[in-house]
N, C-alpha and C. Protein backbone atom coordinates (compact mmCIF):
# COMPACT_ATOMS: atom_id res chain seq x y z
N MET A 1 103.26 138.91 165.26
CA MET A 1 101.81 138.75 165.41
C MET A 1 101.22 139.87 166.26
N ASP A 2 99.97 140.23 165.93
CA ASP A 2 99.29 141.29 166.67
C ASP A 2 98.64 140.77 167.95
N LEU A 3 98.44 139.47 168.03
CA LEU A 3 97.75 138.90 169.18
C LEU A 3 98.57 139.06 170.46
N ASP A 4 97.88 139.39 171.52
CA ASP A 4 98.51 139.49 172.83
C ASP A 4 98.22 138.19 173.57
N PHE A 5 99.18 137.29 173.58
CA PHE A 5 98.97 135.98 174.20
C PHE A 5 98.93 136.06 175.72
N HIS A 6 99.33 137.19 176.27
CA HIS A 6 99.24 137.34 177.72
C HIS A 6 97.78 137.47 178.17
N LYS A 7 96.91 137.92 177.25
CA LYS A 7 95.49 138.01 177.58
C LYS A 7 94.88 136.63 177.75
N ILE A 8 95.27 135.71 176.89
CA ILE A 8 94.75 134.35 177.03
C ILE A 8 95.35 133.68 178.26
N GLU A 9 96.58 134.06 178.62
CA GLU A 9 97.15 133.55 179.87
C GLU A 9 96.25 133.94 181.06
N LYS A 10 95.79 135.18 181.06
CA LYS A 10 94.92 135.65 182.14
C LYS A 10 93.61 134.87 182.14
N LYS A 11 93.08 134.59 180.95
CA LYS A 11 91.86 133.80 180.85
C LYS A 11 92.06 132.41 181.43
N LEU A 12 93.22 131.84 181.16
CA LEU A 12 93.54 130.50 181.65
C LEU A 12 93.89 130.51 183.13
N GLY A 13 94.24 131.67 183.66
CA GLY A 13 94.64 131.78 185.06
C GLY A 13 96.03 131.23 185.30
N LEU A 14 96.89 131.34 184.28
CA LEU A 14 98.24 130.77 184.36
C LEU A 14 99.26 131.75 183.81
N LYS A 15 100.50 131.55 184.21
CA LYS A 15 101.62 132.30 183.66
C LYS A 15 102.61 131.28 183.11
N PHE A 16 102.72 131.23 181.78
CA PHE A 16 103.59 130.23 181.16
C PHE A 16 105.06 130.59 181.32
N ASN A 17 105.85 129.59 181.61
CA ASN A 17 107.30 129.76 181.62
C ASN A 17 107.83 129.88 180.19
N ASN A 18 107.21 129.11 179.29
CA ASN A 18 107.57 129.13 177.88
C ASN A 18 106.33 129.49 177.08
N ILE A 19 106.20 130.77 176.74
CA ILE A 19 105.00 131.25 176.05
C ILE A 19 104.85 130.62 174.68
N ASP A 20 105.95 130.14 174.10
CA ASP A 20 105.88 129.50 172.77
C ASP A 20 105.03 128.23 172.80
N LEU A 21 104.97 127.57 173.94
CA LEU A 21 104.11 126.39 174.06
C LEU A 21 102.64 126.77 173.91
N LEU A 22 102.25 127.88 174.49
CA LEU A 22 100.88 128.36 174.37
C LEU A 22 100.60 128.78 172.93
N LYS A 23 101.55 129.47 172.31
CA LYS A 23 101.38 129.88 170.92
C LYS A 23 101.20 128.66 170.01
N ARG A 24 101.99 127.63 170.26
CA ARG A 24 101.90 126.42 169.44
C ARG A 24 100.54 125.75 169.64
N ALA A 25 100.06 125.75 170.86
CA ALA A 25 98.77 125.12 171.16
C ALA A 25 97.62 125.80 170.42
N LEU A 26 97.81 127.06 170.09
CA LEU A 26 96.76 127.82 169.43
C LEU A 26 96.99 127.97 167.92
N THR A 27 97.91 127.20 167.38
CA THR A 27 98.25 127.29 165.96
C THR A 27 97.78 126.06 165.20
N HIS A 28 96.82 126.27 164.32
CA HIS A 28 96.39 125.18 163.43
C HIS A 28 97.39 125.05 162.29
N ARG A 29 97.56 123.84 161.78
CA ARG A 29 98.60 123.62 160.78
C ARG A 29 98.38 124.43 159.50
N SER A 30 97.12 124.76 159.19
CA SER A 30 96.85 125.55 157.99
C SER A 30 97.49 126.93 158.06
N PHE A 31 97.68 127.45 159.28
CA PHE A 31 98.26 128.78 159.46
C PHE A 31 99.70 128.83 158.97
N LEU A 32 100.42 127.73 159.11
CA LEU A 32 101.82 127.69 158.72
C LEU A 32 102.00 127.83 157.22
N ASN A 33 101.01 127.41 156.45
CA ASN A 33 101.12 127.51 154.99
C ASN A 33 101.21 128.95 154.52
N GLU A 34 100.65 129.86 155.28
CA GLU A 34 100.63 131.27 154.89
C GLU A 34 101.58 132.13 155.73
N ASN A 35 102.20 131.53 156.74
CA ASN A 35 103.07 132.29 157.65
C ASN A 35 104.34 131.49 157.93
N LYS A 36 105.24 131.48 156.98
CA LYS A 36 106.45 130.66 157.07
C LYS A 36 107.30 131.02 158.29
N GLU A 37 107.23 132.29 158.70
CA GLU A 37 108.04 132.72 159.86
C GLU A 37 107.57 132.06 161.15
N TRP A 38 106.38 131.47 161.13
CA TRP A 38 105.81 130.84 162.32
C TRP A 38 106.26 129.39 162.47
N PHE A 39 107.05 128.90 161.50
CA PHE A 39 107.48 127.51 161.56
C PHE A 39 108.27 127.21 162.83
N LYS A 40 108.98 128.18 163.34
CA LYS A 40 109.77 127.96 164.56
C LYS A 40 108.86 127.71 165.77
N ILE A 41 107.63 128.20 165.70
CA ILE A 41 106.65 127.95 166.76
C ILE A 41 106.03 126.56 166.59
N GLY A 42 105.65 126.25 165.36
CA GLY A 42 105.06 124.95 165.07
C GLY A 42 103.54 124.96 165.17
N GLN A 43 102.92 123.81 164.94
CA GLN A 43 101.46 123.68 165.00
C GLN A 43 101.06 122.70 166.11
N ASN A 44 99.76 122.62 166.37
CA ASN A 44 99.31 122.04 167.64
C ASN A 44 98.93 120.56 167.64
N GLU A 45 99.14 119.84 166.56
CA GLU A 45 98.64 118.47 166.52
C GLU A 45 99.31 117.55 167.54
N ARG A 46 100.61 117.69 167.74
CA ARG A 46 101.30 116.85 168.73
C ARG A 46 100.86 117.19 170.15
N LEU A 47 100.64 118.48 170.42
CA LEU A 47 100.14 118.88 171.73
C LEU A 47 98.72 118.38 171.94
N GLU A 48 97.94 118.33 170.88
CA GLU A 48 96.58 117.79 170.96
C GLU A 48 96.62 116.32 171.37
N PHE A 49 97.53 115.57 170.77
CA PHE A 49 97.71 114.15 171.10
C PHE A 49 98.04 113.98 172.58
N LEU A 50 98.98 114.81 173.05
CA LEU A 50 99.38 114.73 174.46
C LEU A 50 98.24 115.15 175.37
N GLY A 51 97.58 116.25 175.02
CA GLY A 51 96.50 116.76 175.86
C GLY A 51 95.35 115.76 176.00
N ASP A 52 95.04 115.06 174.93
CA ASP A 52 93.98 114.05 174.98
C ASP A 52 94.33 112.97 176.00
N ALA A 53 95.58 112.52 175.99
CA ALA A 53 96.01 111.48 176.93
C ALA A 53 95.99 111.99 178.37
N VAL A 54 96.45 113.23 178.57
CA VAL A 54 96.47 113.82 179.92
C VAL A 54 95.04 114.00 180.44
N PHE A 55 94.16 114.49 179.57
CA PHE A 55 92.74 114.63 179.91
C PHE A 55 92.21 113.31 180.44
N GLY A 56 92.45 112.24 179.66
CA GLY A 56 91.92 110.93 180.02
C GLY A 56 92.41 110.44 181.36
N LEU A 57 93.72 110.60 181.62
CA LEU A 57 94.31 110.16 182.87
C LEU A 57 93.75 110.92 184.07
N ILE A 58 93.75 112.24 183.97
CA ILE A 58 93.30 113.06 185.09
C ILE A 58 91.81 112.84 185.38
N ALA A 59 91.01 112.77 184.32
CA ALA A 59 89.58 112.53 184.49
C ALA A 59 89.32 111.16 185.11
N ALA A 60 90.08 110.15 184.66
CA ALA A 60 89.90 108.79 185.18
C ALA A 60 90.20 108.73 186.67
N GLU A 61 91.31 109.33 187.09
CA GLU A 61 91.68 109.30 188.51
C GLU A 61 90.67 110.08 189.36
N TYR A 62 90.24 111.22 188.85
CA TYR A 62 89.28 112.06 189.57
C TYR A 62 87.98 111.29 189.81
N LEU A 63 87.45 110.66 188.76
CA LEU A 63 86.18 109.94 188.86
C LEU A 63 86.33 108.68 189.71
N PHE A 64 87.47 108.03 189.60
CA PHE A 64 87.73 106.82 190.40
C PHE A 64 87.67 107.14 191.89
N ARG A 65 88.25 108.27 192.28
CA ARG A 65 88.29 108.65 193.69
C ARG A 65 86.95 109.24 194.16
N LYS A 66 86.30 110.00 193.30
CA LYS A 66 85.08 110.71 193.70
C LYS A 66 83.86 109.80 193.78
N TYR A 67 83.81 108.78 192.92
CA TYR A 67 82.63 107.91 192.87
C TYR A 67 83.03 106.45 193.08
N PRO A 68 83.32 106.08 194.32
CA PRO A 68 83.81 104.72 194.60
C PRO A 68 82.79 103.62 194.34
N LYS A 69 81.52 103.97 194.22
CA LYS A 69 80.49 102.95 194.02
C LYS A 69 80.13 102.73 192.54
N LEU A 70 80.62 103.59 191.67
CA LEU A 70 80.30 103.44 190.25
C LEU A 70 81.10 102.29 189.64
N LYS A 71 80.43 101.52 188.78
CA LYS A 71 81.10 100.43 188.08
C LYS A 71 81.92 100.96 186.91
N GLU A 72 82.77 100.09 186.39
CA GLU A 72 83.70 100.49 185.32
C GLU A 72 82.97 101.09 184.12
N GLY A 73 81.86 100.47 183.72
CA GLY A 73 81.13 100.95 182.55
C GLY A 73 80.60 102.36 182.73
N GLU A 74 80.06 102.65 183.92
CA GLU A 74 79.54 103.99 184.18
C GLU A 74 80.66 105.02 184.27
N LEU A 75 81.78 104.61 184.87
CA LEU A 75 82.92 105.52 184.93
C LEU A 75 83.41 105.88 183.53
N THR A 76 83.45 104.89 182.66
CA THR A 76 83.89 105.11 181.29
C THR A 76 82.95 106.06 180.55
N SER A 77 81.63 105.84 180.71
CA SER A 77 80.64 106.70 180.06
C SER A 77 80.69 108.13 180.60
N LEU A 78 80.87 108.25 181.90
CA LEU A 78 80.92 109.57 182.52
C LEU A 78 82.17 110.33 182.07
N ARG A 79 83.30 109.64 182.00
CA ARG A 79 84.52 110.29 181.51
C ARG A 79 84.34 110.76 180.08
N ALA A 80 83.75 109.92 179.24
CA ALA A 80 83.54 110.28 177.84
C ALA A 80 82.64 111.51 177.71
N ALA A 81 81.62 111.59 178.55
CA ALA A 81 80.71 112.73 178.52
C ALA A 81 81.40 114.02 178.95
N LEU A 82 82.33 113.89 179.87
CA LEU A 82 83.04 115.07 180.38
C LEU A 82 84.03 115.63 179.38
N ILE A 83 84.65 114.77 178.58
CA ILE A 83 85.73 115.23 177.70
C ILE A 83 85.38 115.07 176.23
N ASN A 84 84.08 114.99 175.90
CA ASN A 84 83.73 114.91 174.49
C ASN A 84 83.80 116.29 173.84
N SER A 85 83.57 116.35 172.54
CA SER A 85 83.76 117.59 171.80
C SER A 85 82.82 118.70 172.28
N ASN A 86 81.58 118.35 172.64
CA ASN A 86 80.65 119.38 173.12
C ASN A 86 81.13 120.01 174.42
N SER A 87 81.65 119.18 175.31
CA SER A 87 82.17 119.69 176.57
C SER A 87 83.38 120.59 176.34
N LEU A 88 84.25 120.16 175.44
CA LEU A 88 85.44 120.97 175.13
C LEU A 88 85.06 122.29 174.48
N LEU A 89 84.01 122.27 173.66
CA LEU A 89 83.55 123.52 173.04
C LEU A 89 83.02 124.50 174.07
N GLU A 90 82.38 124.00 175.10
CA GLU A 90 81.91 124.87 176.18
C GLU A 90 83.08 125.58 176.84
N VAL A 91 84.16 124.84 177.05
CA VAL A 91 85.37 125.42 177.64
C VAL A 91 85.95 126.46 176.69
N ALA A 92 86.00 126.12 175.40
CA ALA A 92 86.55 127.04 174.40
C ALA A 92 85.77 128.35 174.37
N ASP A 93 84.44 128.25 174.46
CA ASP A 93 83.61 129.46 174.47
C ASP A 93 83.85 130.28 175.73
N LYS A 94 83.94 129.60 176.85
CA LYS A 94 84.15 130.28 178.13
C LYS A 94 85.48 131.04 178.14
N LEU A 95 86.50 130.44 177.56
CA LEU A 95 87.84 131.04 177.55
C LEU A 95 88.09 131.92 176.32
N GLU A 96 87.09 132.01 175.45
CA GLU A 96 87.18 132.82 174.23
C GLU A 96 88.37 132.41 173.35
N ILE A 97 88.56 131.10 173.21
CA ILE A 97 89.68 130.58 172.42
C ILE A 97 89.61 131.05 170.97
N LYS A 98 88.41 131.25 170.46
CA LYS A 98 88.23 131.65 169.06
C LYS A 98 88.99 132.93 168.73
N LYS A 99 89.12 133.82 169.70
CA LYS A 99 89.83 135.08 169.48
C LYS A 99 91.32 134.87 169.21
N TYR A 100 91.86 133.77 169.70
CA TYR A 100 93.31 133.57 169.67
C TYR A 100 93.76 132.44 168.76
N LEU A 101 92.83 131.64 168.25
CA LEU A 101 93.20 130.51 167.42
C LEU A 101 93.70 130.99 166.06
N LEU A 102 94.86 130.51 165.67
CA LEU A 102 95.50 130.92 164.42
C LEU A 102 95.22 129.89 163.33
N VAL A 103 94.46 130.30 162.31
CA VAL A 103 94.14 129.43 161.18
C VAL A 103 94.39 130.22 159.90
N SER A 104 94.41 129.53 158.77
CA SER A 104 94.64 130.20 157.49
C SER A 104 93.44 131.05 157.10
N LYS A 105 93.66 131.96 156.16
CA LYS A 105 92.57 132.80 155.68
C LYS A 105 91.47 131.94 155.04
N GLY A 106 91.91 130.89 154.36
CA GLY A 106 90.94 129.99 153.74
C GLY A 106 90.05 129.30 154.74
N GLU A 107 90.64 128.84 155.86
CA GLU A 107 89.86 128.17 156.89
C GLU A 107 88.91 129.14 157.59
N LYS A 108 89.29 130.40 157.69
CA LYS A 108 88.42 131.37 158.34
C LYS A 108 87.10 131.53 157.60
N LYS A 109 87.13 131.27 156.29
CA LYS A 109 85.92 131.37 155.49
C LYS A 109 84.95 130.22 155.80
N GLU A 110 85.49 129.16 156.42
CA GLU A 110 84.68 127.99 156.74
C GLU A 110 84.43 127.88 158.25
N LEU A 111 84.43 129.01 158.94
CA LEU A 111 84.36 128.99 160.40
C LEU A 111 83.15 128.23 160.93
N LYS A 112 81.99 128.43 160.32
CA LYS A 112 80.77 127.82 160.84
C LYS A 112 80.84 126.30 160.78
N LYS A 113 81.51 125.75 159.75
CA LYS A 113 81.58 124.30 159.60
C LYS A 113 82.75 123.70 160.35
N ALA A 114 83.93 124.28 160.18
CA ALA A 114 85.14 123.63 160.70
C ALA A 114 85.61 124.17 162.04
N HIS A 115 85.27 125.39 162.34
CA HIS A 115 85.86 126.01 163.52
C HIS A 115 85.55 125.30 164.83
N PRO A 116 84.33 124.81 165.04
CA PRO A 116 84.08 124.08 166.29
C PRO A 116 85.05 122.92 166.49
N TYR A 117 85.35 122.22 165.42
CA TYR A 117 86.29 121.11 165.47
C TYR A 117 87.67 121.61 165.87
N PHE A 118 88.11 122.72 165.27
CA PHE A 118 89.41 123.29 165.61
C PHE A 118 89.45 123.75 167.06
N LEU A 119 88.36 124.32 167.54
CA LEU A 119 88.32 124.83 168.90
C LEU A 119 88.42 123.72 169.93
N ALA A 120 87.69 122.64 169.70
CA ALA A 120 87.75 121.50 170.63
C ALA A 120 89.16 120.93 170.67
N ASN A 121 89.79 120.80 169.51
CA ASN A 121 91.17 120.30 169.46
C ASN A 121 92.13 121.26 170.16
N ALA A 122 91.87 122.56 170.02
CA ALA A 122 92.75 123.55 170.64
C ALA A 122 92.72 123.45 172.16
N VAL A 123 91.55 123.13 172.72
CA VAL A 123 91.48 122.96 174.18
C VAL A 123 92.37 121.80 174.61
N GLU A 124 92.33 120.70 173.87
CA GLU A 124 93.22 119.58 174.18
C GLU A 124 94.68 119.98 174.04
N SER A 125 94.98 120.77 173.01
CA SER A 125 96.36 121.23 172.80
C SER A 125 96.82 122.11 173.96
N ILE A 126 95.94 122.96 174.44
CA ILE A 126 96.27 123.83 175.57
C ILE A 126 96.56 123.00 176.81
N VAL A 127 95.77 121.95 177.02
CA VAL A 127 96.02 121.06 178.16
C VAL A 127 97.41 120.42 178.02
N GLY A 128 97.76 120.00 176.81
CA GLY A 128 99.10 119.45 176.58
C GLY A 128 100.19 120.46 176.88
N ALA A 129 99.96 121.71 176.49
CA ALA A 129 100.94 122.77 176.73
C ALA A 129 101.07 123.06 178.23
N ILE A 130 99.94 123.11 178.92
CA ILE A 130 99.98 123.35 180.37
C ILE A 130 100.76 122.24 181.07
N TYR A 131 100.51 121.01 180.66
CA TYR A 131 101.20 119.86 181.27
C TYR A 131 102.72 119.97 181.10
N LEU A 132 103.16 120.30 179.89
CA LEU A 132 104.60 120.42 179.65
C LEU A 132 105.20 121.60 180.39
N ASP A 133 104.45 122.68 180.49
CA ASP A 133 104.99 123.91 181.08
C ASP A 133 104.83 123.97 182.59
N GLN A 134 103.72 123.44 183.11
CA GLN A 134 103.39 123.64 184.52
C GLN A 134 103.43 122.36 185.35
N GLY A 135 103.33 121.21 184.68
CA GLY A 135 103.33 119.95 185.41
C GLY A 135 101.94 119.40 185.66
N LEU A 136 101.88 118.23 186.25
CA LEU A 136 100.63 117.51 186.43
C LEU A 136 99.67 118.19 187.41
N GLU A 137 100.19 118.74 188.50
CA GLU A 137 99.32 119.33 189.52
C GLU A 137 98.55 120.51 188.98
N GLU A 138 99.24 121.44 188.30
CA GLU A 138 98.57 122.61 187.73
C GLU A 138 97.58 122.19 186.65
N THR A 139 97.96 121.19 185.86
CA THR A 139 97.06 120.70 184.80
C THR A 139 95.80 120.11 185.41
N SER A 140 95.96 119.36 186.49
CA SER A 140 94.81 118.77 187.17
C SER A 140 93.87 119.85 187.69
N GLU A 141 94.43 120.89 188.26
CA GLU A 141 93.61 121.98 188.78
C GLU A 141 92.83 122.66 187.66
N PHE A 142 93.48 122.85 186.52
CA PHE A 142 92.83 123.49 185.37
C PHE A 142 91.66 122.63 184.87
N ILE A 143 91.89 121.33 184.72
CA ILE A 143 90.87 120.43 184.20
C ILE A 143 89.70 120.29 185.19
N GLU A 144 90.02 120.22 186.48
CA GLU A 144 88.96 120.13 187.49
C GLU A 144 88.09 121.40 187.47
N LYS A 145 88.73 122.53 187.35
CA LYS A 145 88.03 123.81 187.38
C LYS A 145 87.10 123.98 186.18
N HIS A 146 87.56 123.59 185.01
CA HIS A 146 86.81 123.88 183.79
C HIS A 146 85.99 122.71 183.25
N ILE A 147 86.31 121.49 183.66
CA ILE A 147 85.65 120.32 183.09
C ILE A 147 84.99 119.44 184.15
N LEU A 148 85.78 119.00 185.11
CA LEU A 148 85.32 117.94 186.01
C LEU A 148 84.26 118.40 187.01
N VAL A 149 84.12 119.71 187.19
CA VAL A 149 83.09 120.22 188.10
C VAL A 149 81.69 119.88 187.60
N LYS A 150 81.57 119.51 186.33
CA LYS A 150 80.26 119.19 185.75
C LYS A 150 79.84 117.75 185.99
N ALA A 151 80.70 116.96 186.63
CA ALA A 151 80.45 115.52 186.77
C ALA A 151 79.15 115.22 187.53
N ASP A 152 78.93 115.90 188.65
CA ASP A 152 77.73 115.64 189.45
C ASP A 152 76.45 115.89 188.65
N GLN A 153 76.43 117.00 187.91
CA GLN A 153 75.23 117.35 187.14
C GLN A 153 74.99 116.34 186.02
N ILE A 154 76.06 115.93 185.35
CA ILE A 154 75.93 114.94 184.27
C ILE A 154 75.41 113.63 184.82
N LEU A 155 75.93 113.23 185.96
CA LEU A 155 75.51 111.98 186.59
C LEU A 155 74.05 112.07 187.03
N LYS A 156 73.67 113.21 187.55
CA LYS A 156 72.30 113.41 188.03
C LYS A 156 71.29 113.32 186.89
N THR A 157 71.62 113.91 185.75
CA THR A 157 70.69 113.94 184.62
C THR A 157 70.76 112.67 183.77
N GLY A 158 71.83 111.90 183.95
CA GLY A 158 71.98 110.69 183.15
C GLY A 158 72.43 110.96 181.73
N SER A 159 72.89 112.17 181.47
CA SER A 159 73.29 112.54 180.11
C SER A 159 74.60 111.89 179.67
N HIS A 160 75.26 111.18 180.59
CA HIS A 160 76.52 110.52 180.23
C HIS A 160 76.30 109.21 179.50
N ARG A 161 75.08 108.73 179.51
CA ARG A 161 74.80 107.46 178.84
C ARG A 161 74.93 107.64 177.33
N ASP A 162 75.69 106.79 176.70
CA ASP A 162 75.95 106.87 175.27
C ASP A 162 74.67 106.62 174.47
N SER A 163 74.37 107.53 173.54
CA SER A 163 73.14 107.43 172.76
C SER A 163 73.07 106.15 171.95
N LYS A 164 74.19 105.69 171.45
CA LYS A 164 74.20 104.44 170.68
C LYS A 164 73.78 103.26 171.56
N SER A 165 74.29 103.23 172.77
CA SER A 165 73.95 102.14 173.69
C SER A 165 72.47 102.18 174.05
N VAL A 166 71.96 103.39 174.33
CA VAL A 166 70.56 103.53 174.71
C VAL A 166 69.65 103.11 173.55
N PHE A 167 70.00 103.55 172.33
CA PHE A 167 69.17 103.22 171.18
C PHE A 167 69.17 101.71 170.92
N GLN A 168 70.33 101.10 171.09
CA GLN A 168 70.40 99.65 170.91
C GLN A 168 69.55 98.92 171.95
N GLU A 169 69.65 99.35 173.21
CA GLU A 169 68.88 98.73 174.28
C GLU A 169 67.38 98.83 174.00
N LYS A 170 66.93 100.04 173.62
CA LYS A 170 65.51 100.26 173.36
C LYS A 170 65.04 99.46 172.14
N SER A 171 65.87 99.42 171.09
CA SER A 171 65.50 98.71 169.87
C SER A 171 65.34 97.22 170.13
N GLN A 172 66.26 96.69 170.91
CA GLN A 172 66.20 95.26 171.22
C GLN A 172 65.05 94.93 172.17
N GLU A 173 64.84 95.82 173.14
CA GLU A 173 63.80 95.60 174.14
C GLU A 173 62.40 95.71 173.54
N LEU A 174 62.16 96.74 172.72
CA LEU A 174 60.82 97.03 172.22
C LEU A 174 60.51 96.40 170.87
N LEU A 175 61.55 96.19 170.06
CA LEU A 175 61.32 95.70 168.70
C LEU A 175 62.01 94.39 168.39
N GLY A 176 62.96 94.01 169.24
CA GLY A 176 63.71 92.79 168.97
C GLY A 176 64.66 92.94 167.80
N ILE A 177 65.11 94.18 167.55
CA ILE A 177 65.99 94.47 166.40
C ILE A 177 67.26 95.16 166.90
N THR A 178 68.41 94.77 166.34
CA THR A 178 69.68 95.42 166.63
C THR A 178 69.96 96.46 165.55
N PRO A 179 70.18 97.73 165.92
CA PRO A 179 70.45 98.78 164.92
C PRO A 179 71.72 98.51 164.12
N ILE A 180 71.71 98.98 162.89
CA ILE A 180 72.88 98.89 162.02
C ILE A 180 73.25 100.30 161.58
N TYR A 181 74.54 100.62 161.60
CA TYR A 181 75.02 101.93 161.16
C TYR A 181 75.74 101.79 159.83
N LYS A 182 75.38 102.65 158.89
CA LYS A 182 75.99 102.61 157.56
C LYS A 182 76.58 103.97 157.22
N PHE A 183 77.83 103.93 156.76
CA PHE A 183 78.50 105.15 156.31
C PHE A 183 77.86 105.61 155.01
N LEU A 184 77.50 106.89 154.91
CA LEU A 184 76.80 107.40 153.73
C LEU A 184 77.69 108.26 152.84
N GLU A 185 78.42 109.19 153.43
CA GLU A 185 79.31 110.03 152.62
C GLU A 185 80.25 110.82 153.51
N SER A 186 81.27 111.42 152.89
CA SER A 186 82.20 112.29 153.60
C SER A 186 82.62 113.42 152.67
N TRP A 187 83.09 114.52 153.25
CA TRP A 187 83.50 115.65 152.45
C TRP A 187 84.47 116.51 153.27
N GLY A 188 85.13 117.43 152.58
CA GLY A 188 86.05 118.35 153.24
C GLY A 188 87.50 117.90 153.17
N PRO A 189 88.44 118.80 153.49
CA PRO A 189 89.87 118.47 153.48
C PRO A 189 90.22 117.47 154.58
N ASP A 190 91.36 116.83 154.46
CA ASP A 190 91.74 115.77 155.41
C ASP A 190 91.75 116.24 156.85
N HIS A 191 92.21 117.48 157.09
CA HIS A 191 92.34 117.93 158.47
C HIS A 191 91.02 118.38 159.10
N SER A 192 89.95 118.47 158.30
CA SER A 192 88.64 118.80 158.88
C SER A 192 87.53 118.06 158.12
N ARG A 193 87.78 116.79 157.88
CA ARG A 193 86.84 115.96 157.13
C ARG A 193 85.58 115.71 157.94
N GLN A 194 84.43 115.74 157.28
CA GLN A 194 83.16 115.48 157.93
C GLN A 194 82.52 114.22 157.35
N PHE A 195 81.75 113.54 158.18
CA PHE A 195 81.17 112.26 157.81
C PHE A 195 79.66 112.27 158.06
N LYS A 196 78.95 111.52 157.22
CA LYS A 196 77.51 111.33 157.42
C LYS A 196 77.24 109.84 157.53
N THR A 197 76.49 109.47 158.56
CA THR A 197 76.16 108.07 158.82
C THR A 197 74.66 107.93 159.06
N GLY A 198 74.10 106.81 158.62
CA GLY A 198 72.69 106.53 158.86
C GLY A 198 72.53 105.36 159.81
N VAL A 199 71.50 105.41 160.65
CA VAL A 199 71.20 104.28 161.54
C VAL A 199 69.91 103.63 161.03
N TYR A 200 69.95 102.32 160.91
CA TYR A 200 68.86 101.56 160.30
C TYR A 200 68.32 100.52 161.28
N LEU A 201 67.01 100.28 161.18
CA LEU A 201 66.39 99.14 161.84
C LEU A 201 65.92 98.22 160.72
N LYS A 202 66.59 97.09 160.60
CA LYS A 202 66.47 96.23 159.42
C LYS A 202 66.90 97.06 158.22
N GLU A 203 66.04 97.27 157.24
CA GLU A 203 66.43 98.03 156.05
C GLU A 203 65.91 99.46 156.07
N LYS A 204 65.24 99.84 157.15
CA LYS A 204 64.62 101.16 157.22
C LYS A 204 65.56 102.18 157.85
N LEU A 205 65.80 103.26 157.13
CA LEU A 205 66.62 104.36 157.65
C LEU A 205 65.80 105.13 158.68
N ILE A 206 66.33 105.21 159.90
CA ILE A 206 65.62 105.92 160.98
C ILE A 206 66.09 107.37 161.09
N ALA A 207 67.40 107.58 161.02
CA ALA A 207 67.93 108.94 161.15
C ALA A 207 69.35 109.00 160.61
N GLU A 208 69.79 110.21 160.31
CA GLU A 208 71.15 110.45 159.84
C GLU A 208 71.86 111.38 160.81
N GLY A 209 73.20 111.24 160.89
CA GLY A 209 73.99 112.11 161.74
C GLY A 209 75.27 112.52 161.04
N GLU A 210 75.77 113.70 161.38
CA GLU A 210 77.01 114.21 160.81
C GLU A 210 78.00 114.53 161.92
N GLY A 211 79.29 114.37 161.62
CA GLY A 211 80.32 114.68 162.61
C GLY A 211 81.69 114.68 161.98
N PHE A 212 82.68 115.05 162.78
CA PHE A 212 84.05 115.10 162.30
C PHE A 212 84.78 113.78 162.49
N SER A 213 84.05 112.74 162.86
CA SER A 213 84.55 111.37 162.89
C SER A 213 83.35 110.47 162.65
N LYS A 214 83.60 109.23 162.25
CA LYS A 214 82.49 108.30 162.03
C LYS A 214 81.75 108.02 163.33
N HIS A 215 82.52 107.94 164.42
CA HIS A 215 81.89 107.70 165.72
C HIS A 215 80.96 108.84 166.11
N GLU A 216 81.41 110.08 165.89
CA GLU A 216 80.57 111.23 166.21
C GLU A 216 79.31 111.23 165.35
N ALA A 217 79.46 110.90 164.06
CA ALA A 217 78.31 110.85 163.17
C ALA A 217 77.31 109.78 163.61
N GLU A 218 77.82 108.63 164.03
CA GLU A 218 76.94 107.56 164.51
C GLU A 218 76.20 107.98 165.78
N THR A 219 76.92 108.65 166.68
CA THR A 219 76.31 109.12 167.92
C THR A 219 75.21 110.13 167.65
N LYS A 220 75.46 111.05 166.73
CA LYS A 220 74.44 112.05 166.37
C LYS A 220 73.23 111.37 165.72
N ALA A 221 73.48 110.36 164.91
CA ALA A 221 72.38 109.62 164.28
C ALA A 221 71.53 108.92 165.34
N ALA A 222 72.20 108.33 166.33
CA ALA A 222 71.48 107.65 167.42
C ALA A 222 70.66 108.63 168.24
N GLU A 223 71.21 109.82 168.50
CA GLU A 223 70.49 110.84 169.25
C GLU A 223 69.20 111.24 168.52
N LYS A 224 69.32 111.45 167.20
CA LYS A 224 68.15 111.83 166.41
C LYS A 224 67.14 110.69 166.35
N ALA A 225 67.65 109.45 166.26
CA ALA A 225 66.76 108.30 166.20
C ALA A 225 65.97 108.14 167.49
N LEU A 226 66.62 108.38 168.63
CA LEU A 226 65.93 108.31 169.92
C LEU A 226 64.79 109.31 170.00
N LEU A 227 65.04 110.52 169.50
CA LEU A 227 64.02 111.55 169.50
C LEU A 227 62.88 111.19 168.54
N LYS A 228 63.27 110.70 167.37
CA LYS A 228 62.26 110.37 166.36
C LYS A 228 61.33 109.25 166.83
N LYS A 229 61.89 108.28 167.55
CA LYS A 229 61.09 107.15 168.04
C LYS A 229 60.40 107.47 169.36
N GLY A 230 60.72 108.62 169.94
CA GLY A 230 60.11 108.99 171.21
C GLY A 230 60.65 108.20 172.39
N TRP A 231 61.91 107.76 172.28
CA TRP A 231 62.53 106.93 173.31
C TRP A 231 63.47 107.71 174.22
N LYS A 232 63.69 108.99 173.96
CA LYS A 232 64.65 109.77 174.75
C LYS A 232 63.95 110.37 175.96
C-alpha cells in the first residue's frame, strides 16, 4: 500500500505496538474484494463492535463522575449526544480519516452518500484498535480529548435532548396527539443501507427523515418536524 499509516499515528497522537490493528481499523470490508493480499490484515467490523462498547463504557464513567447531580435519563441522553454519528464525524474530519480509509473503487464513487457512514464507523474501529493495543487508560485519554470535552457545551445548549422525545412532548402538550413513525422505503447495499421514515400526527405526514438506520431516520424526521411546527 502507498498509504503511510505513521502519519495517521501522528494525527492520533499515538504509537501503535501493532500497526496492523490500525490498518484493520481503517479497512472497510469492500476493500478486501479487490485486494486479496489484504486478507491477512482483515476488515474493521469486529473492531467497530468493540469500539462502540468501549466508547459507551468510558463515556458513561466520565459523565457519572463529572455530573453527580444529573439523573439517569439525562446522563443517557448526554452520552448519546456525545457518541452519535454526527459527533464521530466531527472527530473523523478533525483527524482527516478520509485520507486513510480503505474502501473499494465502487464505494469511492458513492462517497457523498456512503462515506460519512463509513467514517463514523471507522472512528469506532480506531477506538477498538487503541483499546487492544494501548489499554484502557490511553483509550480513555483519547476519547476525553476528542469527544468528551464537548460535554459541557452540549449540556449548556440542551442539544443532548433527543428530538423524538421533544417532539412527542410538544405534540402531546399542545395537540394531545402522540406521533407515529412509519417506515417508507430503503435502498443501497446491505453494508451501507439507507432508510426513509415519516413522522405523522394522526394521519397527516409532518416530515420525513433519512439515515443509515431506522432510528437515525426517525430522529431526522423528528428534527425536521420540530422546525416545521416551530417548536425547536
